[in-house]
Protein backbone atom coordinates (compact mmCIF):
# COMPACT_ATOMS: atom_id res chain seq x y z
CA MET A 1 0.19 -0.08 0.58
CA ARG A 2 1.19 3.25 -0.90
CA LEU A 3 0.59 6.68 1.39
CA TYR A 4 0.67 10.15 -0.68
CA LYS A 5 1.01 13.06 1.38
CA GLU A 6 -0.92 15.10 -0.81
CA ARG A 7 -3.81 12.82 -1.31
CA LYS A 8 -6.26 10.80 1.18
CA LEU A 9 -5.61 7.18 1.30
CA VAL A 10 -8.82 5.49 -0.16
CA GLU A 11 -9.81 2.09 0.85
CA MET A 12 -11.96 -0.15 -0.98
CA ALA A 13 -14.56 -2.81 1.06
CA GLU A 14 -14.91 -6.06 -1.31
CA VAL A 15 -18.48 -6.96 0.40
CA ALA A 16 -19.43 -9.67 -2.01
CA ARG A 17 -18.04 -11.77 -4.80
CA PHE A 18 -20.34 -14.18 -6.94
CA ASN A 19 -20.58 -15.16 -10.89
CA ASN A 20 -17.47 -12.71 -11.61
CA ILE A 21 -19.42 -9.69 -10.21
CA LYS A 22 -17.47 -7.97 -7.21
CA LEU A 23 -19.58 -5.42 -5.05
CA ILE A 24 -17.48 -2.97 -3.66
CA ILE A 25 -17.66 0.14 -1.43
CA TRP A 26 -14.98 3.06 -1.36
CA SER A 27 -14.31 5.04 1.43
CA ASN A 28 -13.89 8.28 -0.23
CA ASP A 29 -17.28 8.27 -2.21
CA HIS A 30 -20.25 10.67 -2.05
CA ASN A 31 -24.05 10.06 -1.09
CA PRO A 32 -26.61 9.13 -1.67
CA ALA A 33 -25.07 5.82 0.26
CA HIS A 34 -24.36 3.23 -2.83
CA PHE A 35 -22.29 0.47 -3.85
CA HIS A 36 -20.43 -0.42 -6.74
CA ALA A 37 -21.25 -3.23 -9.08
CA VAL A 38 -18.27 -4.64 -11.10
CA LYS A 39 -17.80 -7.25 -13.97
CA LYS A 40 -14.41 -6.52 -15.32
CA ASP A 41 -14.69 -5.63 -18.80
CA GLU A 42 -18.02 -5.13 -19.11
CA TYR A 43 -19.84 -3.14 -16.40
CA ASN A 44 -18.84 -0.60 -13.10
CA VAL A 45 -22.45 0.59 -12.37
CA ASN A 46 -23.33 2.42 -9.20
CA ILE A 47 -26.18 1.49 -7.21
CA GLU A 48 -28.19 2.81 -4.47
CA ILE A 49 -28.09 1.07 -1.14
CA PRO A 50 -31.81 0.72 -0.50
CA ILE A 51 -33.13 2.01 2.62
CA ASN A 52 -36.19 -0.35 3.31
CA GLY A 53 -35.10 -3.15 1.21
CA ILE A 54 -36.50 -4.71 -2.02
CA LYS A 55 -38.53 -7.14 -3.55
CA SER A 56 -36.92 -7.73 -7.17
CA TYR A 57 -34.46 -6.40 -9.29
CA LYS A 58 -37.13 -3.47 -10.69
CA ASP A 59 -36.70 -1.91 -7.07
CA LEU A 60 -32.85 -1.31 -7.56
CA ASN A 61 -31.59 2.25 -8.49
CA ILE A 62 -28.98 2.54 -10.95
CA LEU A 63 -26.98 5.94 -10.34
CA PRO A 64 -25.72 8.05 -13.27
CA LYS A 65 -22.18 8.39 -14.45
CA GLY A 66 -21.18 4.21 -14.41
CA LYS A 67 -19.81 2.57 -17.29
CA GLY A 68 -21.37 0.13 -19.29
CA SER A 69 -24.76 -1.39 -19.28
CA ILE A 70 -25.40 -4.29 -16.63
CA PRO A 71 -27.47 -7.06 -17.92
CA ARG A 72 -30.66 -7.70 -16.20
CA LYS A 73 -29.59 -11.38 -15.14
CA ASP A 74 -27.01 -9.41 -13.36
CA LEU A 75 -29.33 -7.19 -11.65
CA GLU A 76 -31.50 -10.16 -10.63
CA MET A 77 -28.38 -12.03 -9.58
CA ILE A 78 -27.55 -9.32 -7.22
CA SER A 79 -30.94 -7.87 -6.16
CA GLU A 80 -31.23 -12.07 -4.71
CA TRP A 81 -27.95 -11.75 -3.01
CA ILE A 82 -29.53 -8.35 -1.18
CA LYS A 83 -32.68 -10.22 0.01
CA ASN A 84 -31.22 -13.08 0.93
CA LYS A 85 -29.12 -14.20 3.97
CA HIS A 86 -25.13 -15.13 3.90
CA ALA A 87 -23.15 -16.88 6.22
CA ILE A 88 -20.32 -13.90 7.35
CA ASP A 89 -18.71 -16.68 10.05
CA PRO A 90 -20.37 -20.41 11.02
CA SER A 91 -22.40 -19.15 13.20
CA THR A 92 -24.07 -16.19 11.56
CA LYS A 93 -26.23 -15.19 9.00
CA VAL A 94 -27.21 -11.78 7.80
CA THR A 95 -28.96 -10.41 4.39
CA GLY A 96 -26.43 -8.78 1.86
CA LEU A 97 -28.48 -5.79 2.72
CA ALA A 98 -27.28 -5.70 6.06
CA GLN A 99 -23.71 -6.21 4.94
CA LEU A 100 -24.05 -3.35 2.41
CA ARG A 101 -24.86 -0.79 5.05
CA PHE A 102 -22.26 -1.94 7.54
CA ALA A 103 -19.53 -1.57 4.69
CA TRP A 104 -20.92 1.44 3.72
CA ASN A 105 -21.36 3.05 7.56
CA ILE A 106 -17.86 1.63 8.47
CA ASN A 107 -16.52 3.37 5.38
CA HIS A 108 -18.34 6.81 6.00
CA PRO A 109 -18.57 7.15 9.54
CA GLU A 110 -19.81 10.43 8.82
CA ASP A 111 -22.74 9.89 6.47
CA LYS A 112 -24.29 6.56 8.38
CA ILE A 113 -27.21 4.72 6.63
């Protein structure tokens, strides 16, 4: 890791990885609270972290300034990941949404959701 005097150290939290899709939160990112869905050489889109959960991929709000276009099947996989519970250790399962909120709050203590 390199540290530059002139720049703020930027950290990345990889919240999940599945089917070659990475869900990432950057420490220097802007509001509204969002994550990046990244598939190498295909897209890097910003998706707002839902406040009240979601029912389907249609409830996901894709923010402007992303790169590429995310296919519907990938949005469906992301929405299922957000809704379902996942093991974070052998004894604990939490929803993907809870993991996204936690990662945002750790990386943005001044803008908690």
